[in-house]
C-alpha cells in the first residue's frame, strides 16, 4: 500500500487513506460473519430436513436445533423490523452483527 502511495518505508499512511482501509476491512469482516451465519442456518436447515422421518413432520430433532431455529427466526424478524424502521439492509445487518458479536463476547467473558 505504501509503495502504491509513493511513501517511504518509515512514512505513515495518511489518516484519510487509513480510515478508508480500516472501514473496508471492517466491512469485509462483517460480510464474512454474515455469510458464515447464513451458511450455518442453511446447514442446520439441511440437517433438519434430512433428519425428519416424514415430509409431514416439521419438528426439530434436538434441543440445539430448536434453539438455533428460534435464534434464526428472531434475527430475521429483528432485521425486518430494522428495515421497516428505515434502516437499509446493510445497516440492519451491521446492527445485528454488532449485537450478536457483543452477546458472544459477554457469553465467553462470563
Protein backbone atom coordinates (compact mmCIF):
# COMPACT_ATOMS: atom_id res chain seq x y z
CA UNK A 1 0.00 0.00 0.00
CA UNK A 2 2.81 2.40 0.90
CA UNK A 3 4.53 1.68 -2.40
CA UNK A 4 1.35 2.46 -4.33
CA UNK A 5 1.04 5.76 -2.47
CA UNK A 6 4.69 6.58 -3.14
CA UNK A 7 5.55 6.60 0.56
CA UNK A 8 8.91 5.66 2.01
CA UNK A 9 9.23 2.67 4.33
CA UNK A 10 9.09 4.74 7.55
CA UNK A 11 6.31 7.13 6.47
CA UNK A 12 2.80 6.73 7.83
CA UNK A 13 -0.19 6.24 5.59
CA UNK A 14 -2.25 9.48 5.56
CA UNK A 15 -5.15 9.35 8.05
CA UNK A 16 -7.94 9.69 5.44
CA UNK A 17 -6.49 6.78 3.45
CA UNK A 18 -6.01 4.70 6.61
CA UNK A 19 -9.63 5.39 7.60
CA UNK A 20 -10.82 4.12 4.22
CA UNK A 21 -8.68 0.99 4.55
CA UNK A 22 -9.92 0.38 8.11
CA UNK A 23 -13.54 0.87 7.05
CA UNK A 24 -13.13 -1.54 4.14
CA UNK A 25 -11.57 -4.10 6.47
CA UNK A 26 -14.46 -3.79 8.94
CA UNK A 27 -16.99 -4.15 6.12
CA UNK A 28 -15.21 -7.25 4.84
CA UNK A 29 -15.18 -8.78 8.33
CA UNK A 30 -18.88 -8.03 8.81
CA UNK A 31 -19.72 -9.54 5.42
CA UNK A 32 -17.71 -12.62 6.32
CA UNK A 33 -19.68 -13.00 9.55
CA UNK A 34 -22.98 -12.50 7.71
CA UNK A 35 -22.06 -15.19 5.17
CA UNK A 36 -20.97 -17.56 7.95
CA UNK A 37 -24.28 -17.09 9.79
CA UNK A 38 -26.27 -17.68 6.61
CA UNK A 39 -24.28 -20.85 5.83
CA UNK A 40 -24.74 -22.16 9.37
CA UNK A 41 -28.51 -21.63 9.19
CA UNK A 42 -28.57 -23.35 5.80
CA UNK A 43 -26.59 -26.30 7.22
CA UNK A 44 -28.95 -26.58 10.18
CA UNK A 45 -31.97 -26.44 7.88
CA UNK A 46 -30.50 -29.14 5.63
CA UNK A 47 -29.64 -31.27 8.67
CA UNK A 48 -33.19 -30.92 9.97
CA UNK A 49 -34.69 -31.76 6.59
CA UNK A 50 -32.59 -34.92 6.34
CA UNK A 51 -33.33 -35.94 9.94
CA UNK A 52 -37.09 -35.54 9.55
CA UNK A 53 -38.64 -39.02 9.33
CA UNK A 54 -41.53 -37.96 7.10
CA UNK A 55 -42.38 -34.97 4.96
CA UNK A 56 -45.37 -34.16 7.16
CA UNK A 57 -43.25 -33.94 10.32
CA UNK A 58 -41.84 -30.44 10.83
CA UNK A 59 -40.37 -30.89 14.31
CA UNK A 60 -36.68 -30.28 15.02
CA UNK A 61 -34.79 -33.30 16.30
CA UNK A 62 -32.69 -31.84 19.12
CA UNK A 63 -32.85 -29.01 21.60
CA UNK A 64 -29.88 -27.31 19.93
CA UNK A 65 -31.74 -27.43 16.60
CA UNK A 66 -34.78 -25.81 18.21
CA UNK A 67 -32.61 -23.14 19.78
CA UNK A 68 -30.80 -22.44 16.52
CA UNK A 69 -34.04 -22.15 14.59
CA UNK A 70 -35.53 -19.83 17.22
CA UNK A 71 -32.41 -17.65 17.10
CA UNK A 72 -32.55 -17.53 13.29
CA UNK A 73 -36.23 -16.63 13.32
CA UNK A 74 -35.58 -13.92 15.93
CA UNK A 75 -32.72 -12.44 13.89
CA UNK A 76 -34.82 -12.47 10.72
CA UNK A 77 -37.70 -10.72 12.49
CA UNK A 78 -35.38 -8.13 14.01
CA UNK A 79 -33.77 -7.48 10.62
CA UNK A 80 -37.21 -6.94 9.05
CA UNK A 81 -38.17 -4.60 11.90
CA UNK A 82 -34.99 -2.56 11.45
CA UNK A 83 -35.62 -2.30 7.71
CA UNK A 84 -39.24 -1.30 8.36
CA UNK A 85 -37.91 1.42 10.68
CA UNK A 86 -35.93 2.87 7.77
CA UNK A 87 -32.54 1.19 8.05
CA UNK A 88 -31.01 -0.17 4.85
CA UNK A 89 -30.33 -3.89 4.52
CA UNK A 90 -26.63 -3.29 5.17
CA UNK A 91 -27.30 -1.07 8.19
CA UNK A 92 -29.70 -3.63 9.65
CA UNK A 93 -27.16 -6.42 9.19
CA UNK A 94 -24.41 -4.34 10.79
CA UNK A 95 -26.61 -3.62 13.80
CA UNK A 96 -27.47 -7.31 14.19
CA UNK A 97 -23.86 -8.40 13.73
CA UNK A 98 -22.78 -5.91 16.40
CA UNK A 99 -25.45 -7.24 18.76
CA UNK A 100 -24.56 -10.88 18.10
CA UNK A 101 -20.84 -10.15 18.47
CA UNK A 102 -21.42 -8.26 21.73
CA UNK A 103 -23.57 -11.13 23.03
CA UNK A 104 -20.89 -13.66 22.04
CA UNK A 105 -18.24 -11.65 23.89
CA UNK A 106 -20.43 -11.44 27.00
CA UNK A 107 -21.12 -15.16 26.90
CA UNK A 108 -17.43 -16.02 26.52
CA UNK A 109 -16.40 -13.48 29.15
CA UNK A 110 -18.84 -14.78 31.75
